[in-house]
C-alpha atoms as a PDB file:
ATOM      1  CA  UNK A   1      17.648 -71.225 -25.602  1.00  0.00           C
ATOM      2  CA  UNK A   2      14.899 -73.216 -27.668  1.00  0.00           C
ATOM      3  CA  UNK A   3      16.257 -73.351 -31.405  1.00  0.00           C
ATOM      4  CA  UNK A   4      16.339 -70.322 -33.421  1.00  0.00           C
ATOM      5  CA  UNK A   5      14.171 -71.338 -35.211  1.00  0.00           C
ATOM      6  CA  UNK A   6      11.584 -71.917 -33.240  1.00  0.00           C
ATOM      7  CA  UNK A   7      12.446 -68.306 -31.296  1.00  0.00           C
ATOM      8  CA  UNK A   8      11.960 -66.535 -35.028  1.00  0.00           C
ATOM      9  CA  UNK A   9       8.692 -68.421 -35.778  1.00  0.00           C
ATOM     10  CA  UNK A  10       7.285 -67.544 -32.041  1.00  0.00           C
ATOM     11  CA  UNK A  11       8.801 -64.306 -32.986  1.00  0.00           C
ATOM     12  CA  UNK A  12       6.646 -63.995 -36.319  1.00  0.00           C
ATOM     13  CA  UNK A  13       3.578 -65.538 -34.790  1.00  0.00           C
ATOM     14  CA  UNK A  14       3.373 -62.619 -32.107  1.00  0.00           C
ATOM     15  CA  UNK A  15       3.960 -59.629 -35.198  1.00  0.00           C
ATOM     16  CA  UNK A  16       0.746 -61.360 -36.612  1.00  0.00           C
ATOM     17  CA  UNK A  17      -1.160 -61.631 -33.940  1.00  0.00           C
ATOM     18  CA  UNK A  18      -0.721 -58.066 -32.453  1.00  0.00           C
ATOM     19  CA  UNK A  19      -1.800 -56.831 -35.733  1.00  0.00           C
ATOM     20  CA  UNK A  20      -5.041 -59.585 -35.529  1.00  0.00           C
ATOM     21  CA  UNK A  21      -4.901 -57.747 -32.286  1.00  0.00           C
ATOM     22  CA  UNK A  22      -5.281 -54.725 -33.316  1.00  0.00           C
ATOM     23  CA  UNK A  23      -7.657 -55.755 -36.485  1.00  0.00           C
ATOM     24  CA  UNK A  24     -10.030 -57.423 -33.570  1.00  0.00           C
ATOM     25  CA  UNK A  25     -10.270 -53.979 -31.546  1.00  0.00           C
ATOM     26  CA  UNK A  26     -11.428 -51.838 -33.918  1.00  0.00           C
ATOM     27  CA  UNK A  27     -14.194 -54.421 -34.898  1.00  0.00           C
ATOM     28  CA  UNK A  28     -14.980 -54.516 -31.612  1.00  0.00           C
ATOM     29  CA  UNK A  29     -14.979 -50.938 -31.146  1.00  0.00           C
ATOM     30  CA  UNK A  30     -17.671 -50.849 -34.141  1.00  0.00           C
ATOM     31  CA  UNK A  31     -19.652 -53.454 -32.362  1.00  0.00           C
ATOM     32  CA  UNK A  32     -19.995 -52.065 -29.071  1.00  0.00           C
ATOM     33  CA  UNK A  33     -20.954 -47.998 -31.472  1.00  0.00           C
ATOM     34  CA  UNK A  34     -23.312 -50.226 -33.619  1.00  0.00           C
ATOM     35  CA  UNK A  35     -24.886 -51.451 -30.337  1.00  0.00           C
ATOM     36  CA  UNK A  36     -25.346 -47.807 -28.977  1.00  0.00           C
ATOM     37  CA  UNK A  37     -22.844 -49.059 -26.381  1.00  0.00           C
ATOM     38  CA  UNK A  38     -19.873 -46.520 -24.906  1.00  0.00           C
ATOM     39  CA  UNK A  39     -17.170 -47.037 -22.545  1.00  0.00           C
ATOM     40  CA  UNK A  40     -16.719 -43.358 -20.210  1.00  0.00           C
ATOM     41  CA  UNK A  41     -14.168 -44.548 -17.855  1.00  0.00           C
ATOM     42  CA  UNK A  42     -11.247 -47.003 -17.167  1.00  0.00           C
ATOM     43  CA  UNK A  43      -9.952 -47.668 -13.638  1.00  0.00           C
ATOM     44  CA  UNK A  44      -6.851 -49.457 -12.738  1.00  0.00           C
ATOM     45  CA  UNK A  45      -5.862 -50.340  -9.697  1.00  0.00           C
ATOM     46  CA  UNK A  46      -3.780 -53.056  -8.336  1.00  0.00           C
ATOM     47  CA  UNK A  47      -5.961 -55.546  -7.857  1.00  0.00           C
ATOM     48  CA  UNK A  48      -8.738 -54.467 -10.670  1.00  0.00           C
ATOM     49  CA  UNK A  49     -10.124 -52.787 -13.745  1.00  0.00           C
ATOM     50  CA  UNK A  50     -13.412 -51.039 -13.295  1.00  0.00           C
ATOM     51  CA  UNK A  51     -14.979 -49.446 -16.500  1.00  0.00           C
ATOM     52  CA  UNK A  52     -17.717 -47.261 -16.613  1.00  0.00           C
ATOM     53  CA  UNK A  53     -20.093 -47.805 -19.680  1.00  0.00           C
ATOM     54  CA  UNK A  54     -23.260 -46.316 -20.738  1.00  0.00           C
ATOM     55  CA  UNK A  55     -25.502 -48.952 -23.110  1.00  0.00           C
ATOM     56  CA  UNK A  56     -28.611 -47.247 -24.590  1.00  0.00           C
ATOM     57  CA  UNK A  57     -28.801 -44.454 -22.804  1.00  0.00           C
ATOM     58  CA  UNK A  58     -28.173 -46.089 -19.154  1.00  0.00           C
ATOM     59  CA  UNK A  59     -25.140 -46.154 -17.220  1.00  0.00           C
ATOM     60  CA  UNK A  60     -23.549 -49.230 -15.687  1.00  0.00           C
ATOM     61  CA  UNK A  61     -20.404 -50.396 -14.598  1.00  0.00           C
ATOM     62  CA  UNK A  62     -18.250 -53.904 -14.485  1.00  0.00           C
ATOM     63  CA  UNK A  63     -15.637 -54.786 -12.119  1.00  0.00           C
ATOM     64  CA  UNK A  64     -13.174 -56.944 -13.648  1.00  0.00           C
ATOM     65  CA  UNK A  65     -10.004 -59.172 -11.643  1.00  0.00           C
ATOM     66  CA  UNK A  66      -7.085 -58.413 -12.782  1.00  0.00           C
ATOM     67  CA  UNK A  67      -5.671 -61.650 -11.289  1.00  0.00           C
ATOM     68  CA  UNK A  68      -8.705 -63.480 -13.305  1.00  0.00           C
ATOM     69  CA  UNK A  69      -8.277 -61.391 -16.398  1.00  0.00           C
ATOM     70  CA  UNK A  70      -4.225 -62.252 -16.365  1.00  0.00           C
ATOM     71  CA  UNK A  71      -4.644 -66.010 -15.968  1.00  0.00           C
ATOM     72  CA  UNK A  72      -7.428 -66.340 -18.468  1.00  0.00           C
ATOM     73  CA  UNK A  73      -5.052 -64.625 -20.838  1.00  0.00           C
ATOM     74  CA  UNK A  74      -2.253 -66.507 -19.976  1.00  0.00           C
ATOM     75  CA  UNK A  75      -3.860 -70.339 -20.316  1.00  0.00           C
ATOM     76  CA  UNK A  76      -5.228 -69.314 -23.976  1.00  0.00           C
ATOM     77  CA  UNK A  77      -1.345 -67.931 -24.870  1.00  0.00           C
ATOM     78  CA  UNK A  78      -0.613 -70.837 -23.750  1.00  0.00           C
ATOM     79  CA  UNK A  79      -3.174 -73.507 -25.098  1.00  0.00           C
ATOM     80  CA  UNK A  80      -1.678 -71.826 -28.776  1.00  0.00           C
ATOM     81  CA  UNK A  81       1.791 -72.261 -28.397  1.00  0.00           C
ATOM     82  CA  UNK A  82       2.799 -68.915 -28.009  1.00  0.00           C
ATOM     83  CA  UNK A  83       3.978 -69.389 -24.575  1.00  0.00           C
ATOM     84  CA  UNK A  84       6.028 -71.873 -22.853  1.00  0.00           C
END
């Protein structure tokens, strides 16, 4: 274990980050609603996530590879020092 104060600091940062993320999710949902874009279905399997959505009355879908999303979030967290 690192210094106890460093671990406590990481815990506090992650708690504040969780709160910030919840606020950002709420703002993003508002932005999507204002842009007339809504998610109708999310399907998850072991390899990817398929999101079906409606954009200005047109149905569409996006497929996101889980490994790519996981790598992106880990990279961002490492750059900010939240994970080691």
